[in-house]
Amino acid sequence: MKRRSGLRERYGASPLHLLLLLCSFALALYAGIRLLKGDPLGVVIWFVGAALLHDLVLLPLYTLTDRAAQALTGVRQAPAGGTHRMPAVNYVRVPAFLSLLLLVVWYPLVLRRVPGYRSATGLDPDVFLGRWLLLTAAFFAVSALCLLAATARRGRSHKPRREPAARERS
């Protein structure tokens, strides 16, 4: 047998994956160069502060929150030979992550921390909190519907089939 020594064998993925990875590194390098052009010391201080805040405050906080959610939903490991099911806690994790991501991105507007927003844009800044709350409610509602559908599907697939009862002869 002839052994193939192609790129996929050596790299472990397709050439398209490698191309996309190299393009993303090039884009990140370009963005980094543009970002550091203005105030490099301020950017470095901001990144170090953000990393410390994340690692020392936020990571323990959301780890504890996730552990509490796991305890409340009763997450257990699947048996070794059993089928893999998505834990119920994921139906809380996903909408919470999306909601918090939107809050992190838009918090100045959601919390009305942008002075002069109306005069600069002509838009009403008072709508962002309500919209964020509506989106958060929609995320959790869709997640609850997905949980109900998964529970119903799992309930149907685990019910034993009933054999028709044999009629007794009199």
N, C-alpha and C. Protein backbone atom coordinates (compact mmCIF):
# COMPACT_ATOMS: atom_id res chain seq x y z
N MET A 1 0.82 -1.18 0.00
CA MET A 1 0.00 0.00 0.00
C MET A 1 0.87 1.24 0.00
N LYS A 2 0.47 2.17 -0.84
CA LYS A 2 1.21 3.43 -0.90
C LYS A 2 0.63 4.38 0.14
N ARG A 3 1.50 4.97 0.92
CA ARG A 3 1.05 5.89 1.96
C ARG A 3 0.95 7.29 1.40
N ARG A 4 -0.23 7.92 1.62
CA ARG A 4 -0.43 9.28 1.14
C ARG A 4 0.15 10.26 2.14
N SER A 5 0.80 11.29 1.62
CA SER A 5 1.38 12.30 2.51
C SER A 5 0.91 13.67 2.06
N GLY A 6 -0.36 13.80 1.81
CA GLY A 6 -0.92 15.06 1.36
C GLY A 6 -1.06 16.07 2.49
N LEU A 7 -1.53 17.26 2.11
CA LEU A 7 -1.71 18.33 3.07
C LEU A 7 -2.73 17.94 4.15
N ARG A 8 -3.81 17.29 3.74
CA ARG A 8 -4.83 16.89 4.72
C ARG A 8 -4.25 15.94 5.75
N GLU A 9 -3.37 15.04 5.33
CA GLU A 9 -2.76 14.09 6.25
C GLU A 9 -1.84 14.80 7.24
N ARG A 10 -1.06 15.75 6.75
CA ARG A 10 -0.11 16.45 7.62
C ARG A 10 -0.77 17.53 8.46
N TYR A 11 -1.69 18.29 7.85
CA TYR A 11 -2.31 19.41 8.56
C TYR A 11 -3.47 18.96 9.43
N GLY A 12 -4.24 17.99 8.99
CA GLY A 12 -5.35 17.49 9.77
C GLY A 12 -6.70 18.05 9.36
N ALA A 13 -6.71 18.95 8.39
CA ALA A 13 -7.97 19.52 7.92
C ALA A 13 -7.80 19.86 6.44
N SER A 14 -8.86 20.38 5.85
CA SER A 14 -8.81 20.66 4.42
C SER A 14 -7.98 21.92 4.14
N PRO A 15 -7.50 22.06 2.91
CA PRO A 15 -6.77 23.28 2.54
C PRO A 15 -7.63 24.54 2.69
N LEU A 16 -8.93 24.43 2.50
CA LEU A 16 -9.81 25.58 2.68
C LEU A 16 -9.78 26.05 4.14
N HIS A 17 -9.74 25.10 5.07
CA HIS A 17 -9.64 25.46 6.49
C HIS A 17 -8.36 26.23 6.75
N LEU A 18 -7.24 25.77 6.21
CA LEU A 18 -5.97 26.46 6.38
C LEU A 18 -6.01 27.86 5.78
N LEU A 19 -6.60 27.99 4.60
CA LEU A 19 -6.71 29.30 3.95
C LEU A 19 -7.55 30.26 4.80
N LEU A 20 -8.69 29.79 5.30
CA LEU A 20 -9.53 30.64 6.15
C LEU A 20 -8.83 31.02 7.45
N LEU A 21 -8.07 30.11 8.02
CA LEU A 21 -7.32 30.40 9.24
C LEU A 21 -6.26 31.46 8.97
N LEU A 22 -5.54 31.33 7.87
CA LEU A 22 -4.52 32.32 7.53
C LEU A 22 -5.14 33.69 7.24
N CYS A 23 -6.29 33.70 6.57
CA CYS A 23 -6.99 34.97 6.31
C CYS A 23 -7.45 35.62 7.62
N SER A 24 -7.93 34.83 8.57
CA SER A 24 -8.36 35.41 9.84
C SER A 24 -7.18 35.96 10.62
N PHE A 25 -6.02 35.29 10.56
CA PHE A 25 -4.82 35.84 11.21
C PHE A 25 -4.38 37.13 10.53
N ALA A 26 -4.47 37.18 9.21
CA ALA A 26 -4.10 38.41 8.50
C ALA A 26 -5.04 39.56 8.87
N LEU A 27 -6.31 39.29 8.96
CA LEU A 27 -7.28 40.31 9.36
C LEU A 27 -7.03 40.79 10.79
N ALA A 28 -6.74 39.86 11.69
CA ALA A 28 -6.45 40.23 13.08
C ALA A 28 -5.17 41.06 13.16
N LEU A 29 -4.16 40.72 12.37
CA LEU A 29 -2.92 41.49 12.34
C LEU A 29 -3.18 42.90 11.82
N TYR A 30 -3.95 43.01 10.76
CA TYR A 30 -4.29 44.32 10.21
C TYR A 30 -5.05 45.17 11.24
N ALA A 31 -6.04 44.55 11.91
CA ALA A 31 -6.81 45.28 12.92
C ALA A 31 -5.91 45.69 14.08
N GLY A 32 -5.00 44.82 14.49
CA GLY A 32 -4.08 45.15 15.58
C GLY A 32 -3.16 46.29 15.22
N ILE A 33 -2.66 46.30 14.00
CA ILE A 33 -1.78 47.39 13.57
C ILE A 33 -2.54 48.70 13.54
N ARG A 34 -3.76 48.67 13.02
CA ARG A 34 -4.59 49.90 12.97
C ARG A 34 -4.94 50.37 14.38
N LEU A 35 -5.23 49.44 15.28
CA LEU A 35 -5.61 49.79 16.64
C LEU A 35 -4.44 50.39 17.41
N LEU A 36 -3.26 49.80 17.24
CA LEU A 36 -2.10 50.27 17.98
C LEU A 36 -1.50 51.55 17.41
N LYS A 37 -1.96 51.98 16.24
CA LYS A 37 -1.41 53.18 15.62
C LYS A 37 -1.75 54.44 16.44
N GLY A 38 -2.93 54.47 17.07
CA GLY A 38 -3.38 55.66 17.78
C GLY A 38 -2.70 55.85 19.12
N ASP A 39 -2.96 54.97 20.08
CA ASP A 39 -2.45 55.08 21.44
C ASP A 39 -2.04 53.69 21.91
N PRO A 40 -0.84 53.24 21.56
CA PRO A 40 -0.47 51.85 21.87
C PRO A 40 -0.46 51.55 23.37
N LEU A 41 0.02 52.48 24.19
CA LEU A 41 0.06 52.22 25.62
C LEU A 41 -1.34 52.11 26.20
N GLY A 42 -2.24 52.97 25.78
CA GLY A 42 -3.63 52.91 26.25
C GLY A 42 -4.30 51.61 25.84
N VAL A 43 -4.05 51.15 24.61
CA VAL A 43 -4.64 49.89 24.13
C VAL A 43 -4.09 48.71 24.92
N VAL A 44 -2.79 48.69 25.17
CA VAL A 44 -2.18 47.60 25.94
C VAL A 44 -2.73 47.58 27.37
N ILE A 45 -2.84 48.76 27.99
CA ILE A 45 -3.41 48.84 29.35
C ILE A 45 -4.85 48.35 29.35
N TRP A 46 -5.62 48.73 28.32
CA TRP A 46 -7.02 48.30 28.24
C TRP A 46 -7.10 46.79 28.10
N PHE A 47 -6.28 46.18 27.23
CA PHE A 47 -6.30 44.73 27.06
C PHE A 47 -5.89 44.00 28.33
N VAL A 48 -4.84 44.46 28.99
CA VAL A 48 -4.39 43.82 30.23
C VAL A 48 -5.48 43.95 31.30
N GLY A 49 -6.07 45.13 31.41
CA GLY A 49 -7.16 45.32 32.38
C GLY A 49 -8.35 44.44 32.08
N ALA A 50 -8.72 44.33 30.79
CA ALA A 50 -9.84 43.48 30.41
C ALA A 50 -9.55 42.02 30.71
N ALA A 51 -8.31 41.58 30.45
CA ALA A 51 -7.94 40.18 30.73
C ALA A 51 -7.98 39.91 32.23
N LEU A 52 -7.46 40.83 33.03
CA LEU A 52 -7.49 40.64 34.48
C LEU A 52 -8.92 40.66 35.01
N LEU A 53 -9.74 41.58 34.53
CA LEU A 53 -11.13 41.63 34.96
C LEU A 53 -11.85 40.33 34.61
N HIS A 54 -11.62 39.84 33.40
CA HIS A 54 -12.27 38.60 32.99
C HIS A 54 -11.80 37.43 33.84
N ASP A 55 -10.48 37.27 33.97
CA ASP A 55 -9.95 36.08 34.64
C ASP A 55 -10.16 36.09 36.14
N LEU A 56 -10.10 37.26 36.77
CA LEU A 56 -10.19 37.31 38.22
C LEU A 56 -11.59 37.57 38.76
N VAL A 57 -12.46 38.18 37.94
CA VAL A 57 -13.80 38.51 38.43
C VAL A 57 -14.88 37.76 37.66
N LEU A 58 -14.91 37.95 36.34
CA LEU A 58 -16.02 37.42 35.56
C LEU A 58 -16.00 35.90 35.44
N LEU A 59 -14.85 35.30 35.20
CA LEU A 59 -14.78 33.84 35.06
C LEU A 59 -15.27 33.12 36.32
N PRO A 60 -14.79 33.48 37.52
CA PRO A 60 -15.35 32.82 38.70
C PRO A 60 -16.85 33.09 38.87
N LEU A 61 -17.29 34.30 38.52
CA LEU A 61 -18.70 34.64 38.68
C LEU A 61 -19.58 33.80 37.76
N TYR A 62 -19.24 33.70 36.48
CA TYR A 62 -20.12 32.92 35.62
C TYR A 62 -19.91 31.42 35.77
N THR A 63 -18.78 31.00 36.32
CA THR A 63 -18.61 29.59 36.64
C THR A 63 -19.52 29.20 37.79
N LEU A 64 -19.57 30.04 38.83
CA LEU A 64 -20.47 29.77 39.95
C LEU A 64 -21.93 29.80 39.51
N THR A 65 -22.26 30.74 38.65
CA THR A 65 -23.63 30.83 38.15
C THR A 65 -23.99 29.58 37.35
N ASP A 66 -23.07 29.11 36.53
CA ASP A 66 -23.33 27.91 35.73
C ASP A 66 -23.46 26.68 36.63
N ARG A 67 -22.62 26.58 37.64
CA ARG A 67 -22.73 25.44 38.57
C ARG A 67 -24.07 25.46 39.30
N ALA A 68 -24.53 26.65 39.67
CA ALA A 68 -25.84 26.76 40.33
C ALA A 68 -26.95 26.34 39.37
N ALA A 69 -26.86 26.75 38.11
CA ALA A 69 -27.87 26.36 37.12
C ALA A 69 -27.84 24.85 36.90
N GLN A 70 -26.65 24.26 36.89
CA GLN A 70 -26.55 22.81 36.74
C GLN A 70 -27.18 22.09 37.93
N ALA A 71 -26.95 22.62 39.13
CA ALA A 71 -27.53 22.00 40.32
C ALA A 71 -29.05 22.11 40.30
N LEU A 72 -29.57 23.25 39.84
CA LEU A 72 -31.02 23.44 39.80
C LEU A 72 -31.70 22.56 38.76
N THR A 73 -31.01 22.33 37.63
CA THR A 73 -31.62 21.52 36.58
C THR A 73 -31.29 20.05 36.71
N GLY A 74 -30.45 19.69 37.67
CA GLY A 74 -30.15 18.27 37.90
C GLY A 74 -29.36 17.64 36.77
N VAL A 75 -28.33 18.30 36.29
CA VAL A 75 -27.52 17.75 35.21
C VAL A 75 -26.71 16.58 35.73
N ARG A 76 -26.79 15.50 35.00
CA ARG A 76 -26.00 14.31 35.32
C ARG A 76 -25.27 13.86 34.08
N GLN A 77 -24.16 13.18 34.28
CA GLN A 77 -23.41 12.65 33.15
C GLN A 77 -24.19 11.51 32.51
N ALA A 78 -24.09 11.42 31.19
CA ALA A 78 -24.75 10.34 30.47
C ALA A 78 -24.01 9.03 30.75
N PRO A 79 -24.71 7.93 30.81
CA PRO A 79 -24.03 6.65 31.03
C PRO A 79 -23.06 6.36 29.89
N ALA A 80 -22.08 5.50 30.17
CA ALA A 80 -21.02 5.23 29.21
C ALA A 80 -21.57 4.73 27.88
N GLY A 81 -22.51 3.85 27.90
CA GLY A 81 -23.05 3.32 26.66
C GLY A 81 -24.35 3.99 26.24
N GLY A 82 -24.79 4.97 27.00
CA GLY A 82 -26.08 5.61 26.73
C GLY A 82 -26.01 6.61 25.60
N THR A 83 -27.18 7.08 25.25
CA THR A 83 -27.24 8.07 24.19
C THR A 83 -26.93 9.45 24.76
N HIS A 84 -26.38 10.29 23.92
CA HIS A 84 -26.02 11.63 24.35
C HIS A 84 -27.24 12.55 24.25
N ARG A 85 -27.57 13.20 25.36
CA ARG A 85 -28.65 14.17 25.38
C ARG A 85 -28.08 15.51 25.79
N MET A 86 -28.65 16.56 25.24
CA MET A 86 -28.21 17.88 25.63
C MET A 86 -28.77 18.17 27.02
N PRO A 87 -27.90 18.58 27.96
CA PRO A 87 -28.40 18.87 29.31
C PRO A 87 -29.40 20.02 29.29
N ALA A 88 -30.35 19.96 30.19
CA ALA A 88 -31.38 20.99 30.26
C ALA A 88 -30.79 22.36 30.58
N VAL A 89 -29.64 22.40 31.23
CA VAL A 89 -29.03 23.68 31.59
C VAL A 89 -28.63 24.47 30.33
N ASN A 90 -28.41 23.78 29.21
CA ASN A 90 -28.07 24.49 27.97
C ASN A 90 -29.21 25.35 27.47
N TYR A 91 -30.44 24.99 27.84
CA TYR A 91 -31.59 25.79 27.44
C TYR A 91 -31.67 27.08 28.26
N VAL A 92 -30.86 27.20 29.28
CA VAL A 92 -30.72 28.45 30.02
C VAL A 92 -29.44 29.16 29.59
N ARG A 93 -28.38 28.38 29.37
CA ARG A 93 -27.09 28.96 29.00
C ARG A 93 -27.17 29.79 27.71
N VAL A 94 -27.77 29.24 26.68
CA VAL A 94 -27.76 29.89 25.37
C VAL A 94 -28.49 31.23 25.38
N PRO A 95 -29.74 31.30 25.86
CA PRO A 95 -30.39 32.62 25.86
C PRO A 95 -29.72 33.61 26.82
N ALA A 96 -29.18 33.11 27.94
CA ALA A 96 -28.48 34.01 28.85
C ALA A 96 -27.23 34.56 28.20
N PHE A 97 -26.49 33.70 27.47
CA PHE A 97 -25.29 34.16 26.78
C PHE A 97 -25.64 35.21 25.72
N LEU A 98 -26.67 34.95 24.93
CA LEU A 98 -27.06 35.91 23.89
C LEU A 98 -27.51 37.23 24.49
N SER A 99 -28.28 37.16 25.56
CA SER A 99 -28.75 38.38 26.21
C SER A 99 -27.59 39.18 26.79
N LEU A 100 -26.67 38.50 27.47
CA LEU A 100 -25.52 39.20 28.04
C LEU A 100 -24.60 39.74 26.96
N LEU A 101 -24.47 39.02 25.86
CA LEU A 101 -23.66 39.52 24.75
C LEU A 101 -24.24 40.81 24.20
N LEU A 102 -25.54 40.84 24.01
CA LEU A 102 -26.18 42.08 23.55
C LEU A 102 -26.00 43.20 24.57
N LEU A 103 -26.10 42.87 25.84
CA LEU A 103 -25.93 43.90 26.88
C LEU A 103 -24.50 44.44 26.89
N VAL A 104 -23.52 43.56 26.74
CA VAL A 104 -22.13 44.01 26.73
C VAL A 104 -21.87 44.92 25.53
N VAL A 105 -22.40 44.55 24.38
CA VAL A 105 -22.16 45.35 23.18
C VAL A 105 -22.89 46.68 23.24
N TRP A 106 -24.12 46.67 23.73
CA TRP A 106 -24.96 47.86 23.67
C TRP A 106 -25.22 48.51 25.03
N TYR A 107 -24.42 48.16 26.06
CA TYR A 107 -24.73 48.66 27.40
C TYR A 107 -24.78 50.18 27.52
N PRO A 108 -23.96 50.94 26.79
CA PRO A 108 -24.11 52.40 26.95
C PRO A 108 -25.49 52.89 26.55
N LEU A 109 -26.06 52.29 25.52
CA LEU A 109 -27.39 52.70 25.09
C LEU A 109 -28.48 52.08 25.95
N VAL A 110 -28.30 50.82 26.33
CA VAL A 110 -29.31 50.15 27.15
C VAL A 110 -29.42 50.84 28.51
N LEU A 111 -28.29 51.22 29.08
CA LEU A 111 -28.27 51.85 30.40
C LEU A 111 -28.30 53.37 30.33
N ARG A 112 -28.53 53.91 29.15
CA ARG A 112 -28.63 55.36 28.93
C ARG A 112 -27.39 56.10 29.42
N ARG A 113 -26.22 55.62 29.03
CA ARG A 113 -24.95 56.22 29.43
C ARG A 113 -24.29 57.00 28.30
N VAL A 114 -25.06 57.40 27.30
CA VAL A 114 -24.51 58.13 26.16
C VAL A 114 -25.12 59.53 26.15
N PRO A 115 -24.41 60.50 26.72
CA PRO A 115 -24.96 61.86 26.70
C PRO A 115 -24.93 62.42 25.28
N GLY A 116 -25.96 63.13 24.93
CA GLY A 116 -26.01 63.76 23.61
C GLY A 116 -26.31 62.81 22.48
N TYR A 117 -26.81 61.62 22.78
CA TYR A 117 -27.08 60.65 21.72
C TYR A 117 -28.18 61.15 20.79
N ARG A 118 -29.23 61.71 21.36
CA ARG A 118 -30.35 62.20 20.55
C ARG A 118 -29.91 63.36 19.65
N SER A 119 -29.11 64.27 20.20
CA SER A 119 -28.69 65.42 19.38
C SER A 119 -27.71 65.01 18.29
N ALA A 120 -26.91 63.97 18.53
CA ALA A 120 -25.93 63.54 17.53
C ALA A 120 -26.56 62.68 16.44
N THR A 121 -27.57 61.86 16.80
CA THR A 121 -28.13 60.91 15.84
C THR A 121 -29.56 61.22 15.43
N GLY A 122 -30.26 61.96 16.25
CA GLY A 122 -31.67 62.22 15.98
C GLY A 122 -32.57 61.06 16.37
N LEU A 123 -32.01 60.04 17.02
CA LEU A 123 -32.76 58.86 17.44
C LEU A 123 -33.06 58.93 18.93
N ASP A 124 -34.14 58.30 19.34
CA ASP A 124 -34.54 58.29 20.74
C ASP A 124 -33.74 57.23 21.50
N PRO A 125 -32.98 57.62 22.53
CA PRO A 125 -32.19 56.63 23.28
C PRO A 125 -33.00 55.84 24.30
N ASP A 126 -34.25 56.20 24.52
CA ASP A 126 -35.04 55.55 25.55
C ASP A 126 -35.62 54.20 25.12
N VAL A 127 -35.45 53.81 23.88
CA VAL A 127 -36.06 52.57 23.40
C VAL A 127 -35.16 51.35 23.60
N PHE A 128 -33.89 51.55 23.89
CA PHE A 128 -32.95 50.43 23.90
C PHE A 128 -33.17 49.48 25.06
N LEU A 129 -33.50 49.99 26.24
CA LEU A 129 -33.74 49.11 27.38
C LEU A 129 -34.95 48.21 27.12
N GLY A 130 -36.03 48.78 26.64
CA GLY A 130 -37.22 47.98 26.34
C GLY A 130 -36.96 46.95 25.26
N ARG A 131 -36.23 47.34 24.24
CA ARG A 131 -35.93 46.39 23.15
C ARG A 131 -35.03 45.27 23.64
N TRP A 132 -34.05 45.61 24.49
CA TRP A 132 -33.17 44.57 25.02
C TRP A 132 -33.97 43.60 25.90
N LEU A 133 -34.87 44.13 26.71
CA LEU A 133 -35.70 43.27 27.54
C LEU A 133 -36.61 42.38 26.69
N LEU A 134 -37.17 42.94 25.61
CA LEU A 134 -38.01 42.13 24.71
C LEU A 134 -37.19 41.04 24.03
N LEU A 135 -36.00 41.37 23.57
CA LEU A 135 -35.14 40.36 22.95
C LEU A 135 -34.77 39.27 23.95
N THR A 136 -34.46 39.68 25.17
CA THR A 136 -34.12 38.69 26.20
C THR A 136 -35.30 37.77 26.46
N ALA A 137 -36.49 38.34 26.58
CA ALA A 137 -37.69 37.52 26.77
C ALA A 137 -37.90 36.58 25.58
N ALA A 138 -37.68 37.07 24.38
CA ALA A 138 -37.85 36.23 23.18
C ALA A 138 -36.82 35.10 23.17
N PHE A 139 -35.56 35.38 23.54
CA PHE A 139 -34.54 34.34 23.59
C PHE A 139 -34.96 33.22 24.54
N PHE A 140 -35.42 33.61 25.74
CA PHE A 140 -35.81 32.60 26.71
C PHE A 140 -37.09 31.87 26.29
N ALA A 141 -38.01 32.56 25.64
CA ALA A 141 -39.23 31.91 25.17
C ALA A 141 -38.92 30.88 24.09
N VAL A 142 -38.09 31.24 23.13
CA VAL A 142 -37.71 30.29 22.08
C VAL A 142 -36.96 29.11 22.68
N SER A 143 -36.10 29.38 23.64
CA SER A 143 -35.37 28.30 24.29
C SER A 143 -36.32 27.38 25.05
N ALA A 144 -37.33 27.95 25.71
CA ALA A 144 -38.31 27.13 26.42
C ALA A 144 -39.11 26.27 25.44
N LEU A 145 -39.47 26.83 24.28
CA LEU A 145 -40.17 26.04 23.27
C LEU A 145 -39.29 24.91 22.76
N CYS A 146 -38.01 25.18 22.56
CA CYS A 146 -37.08 24.12 22.13
C CYS A 146 -36.96 23.03 23.19
N LEU A 147 -36.93 23.43 24.46
CA LEU A 147 -36.88 22.45 25.54
C LEU A 147 -38.14 21.60 25.56
N LEU A 148 -39.30 22.23 25.40
CA LEU A 148 -40.55 21.48 25.37
C LEU A 148 -40.58 20.51 24.19
N ALA A 149 -40.12 20.95 23.03
CA ALA A 149 -40.09 20.07 21.86
C ALA A 149 -39.14 18.90 22.07
N ALA A 150 -37.98 19.17 22.65
CA ALA A 150 -37.02 18.09 22.91
C ALA A 150 -37.57 17.11 23.93
N THR A 151 -38.23 17.64 24.95
CA THR A 151 -38.82 16.77 25.98
C THR A 151 -39.93 15.91 25.38
N ALA A 152 -40.76 16.50 24.55
CA ALA A 152 -41.84 15.74 23.91
C ALA A 152 -41.27 14.68 22.96
N ARG A 153 -40.26 15.05 22.21
CA ARG A 153 -39.64 14.10 21.28
C ARG A 153 -38.99 12.95 22.05
N ARG A 154 -38.32 13.27 23.15
CA ARG A 154 -37.68 12.24 23.96
C ARG A 154 -38.74 11.36 24.62
N GLY A 155 -39.86 11.95 25.04
CA GLY A 155 -40.94 11.18 25.65
C GLY A 155 -41.56 10.21 24.67
N ARG A 156 -41.72 10.63 23.42
CA ARG A 156 -42.29 9.74 22.41
C ARG A 156 -41.33 8.61 22.07
N SER A 157 -40.04 8.89 22.02
CA SER A 157 -39.09 7.86 21.59
C SER A 157 -38.81 6.85 22.69
N HIS A 158 -39.11 7.20 23.96
CA HIS A 158 -38.81 6.28 25.05
C HIS A 158 -40.03 5.51 25.54
N LYS A 159 -41.19 5.78 24.99
CA LYS A 159 -42.37 5.03 25.41
C LYS A 159 -42.33 3.64 24.80
N PRO A 160 -42.58 2.63 25.62
CA PRO A 160 -42.62 1.28 25.05
C PRO A 160 -43.86 1.12 24.19
N ARG A 161 -43.70 0.38 23.11
CA ARG A 161 -44.83 0.13 22.24
C ARG A 161 -45.75 -0.89 22.88
N ARG A 162 -47.01 -0.60 22.80
CA ARG A 162 -47.99 -1.52 23.38
C ARG A 162 -48.42 -2.51 22.31
N GLU A 163 -48.37 -3.73 22.68
CA GLU A 163 -48.84 -4.78 21.80
C GLU A 163 -50.35 -4.86 21.93
N PRO A 164 -51.06 -5.05 20.84
CA PRO A 164 -52.51 -5.18 20.97
C PRO A 164 -52.85 -6.40 21.83
N ALA A 165 -53.76 -6.19 22.72
CA ALA A 165 -54.14 -7.28 23.65
C ALA A 165 -54.82 -8.40 22.86
N ALA A 166 -54.44 -9.61 23.18
CA ALA A 166 -55.07 -10.76 22.52
C ALA A 166 -56.47 -10.92 23.09
N ARG A 167 -57.39 -11.09 22.18
CA ARG A 167 -58.78 -11.23 22.63
C ARG A 167 -58.98 -12.62 23.20
N GLU A 168 -59.60 -12.60 24.33
CA GLU A 168 -59.87 -13.89 24.99
C GLU A 168 -61.09 -14.53 24.34
N ARG A 169 -60.99 -15.81 24.13
CA ARG A 169 -62.13 -16.54 23.54
C ARG A 169 -63.02 -17.04 24.67
N SER A 170 -64.27 -16.87 24.49
CA SER A 170 -65.19 -17.32 25.53
C SER A 170 -65.81 -18.62 25.20
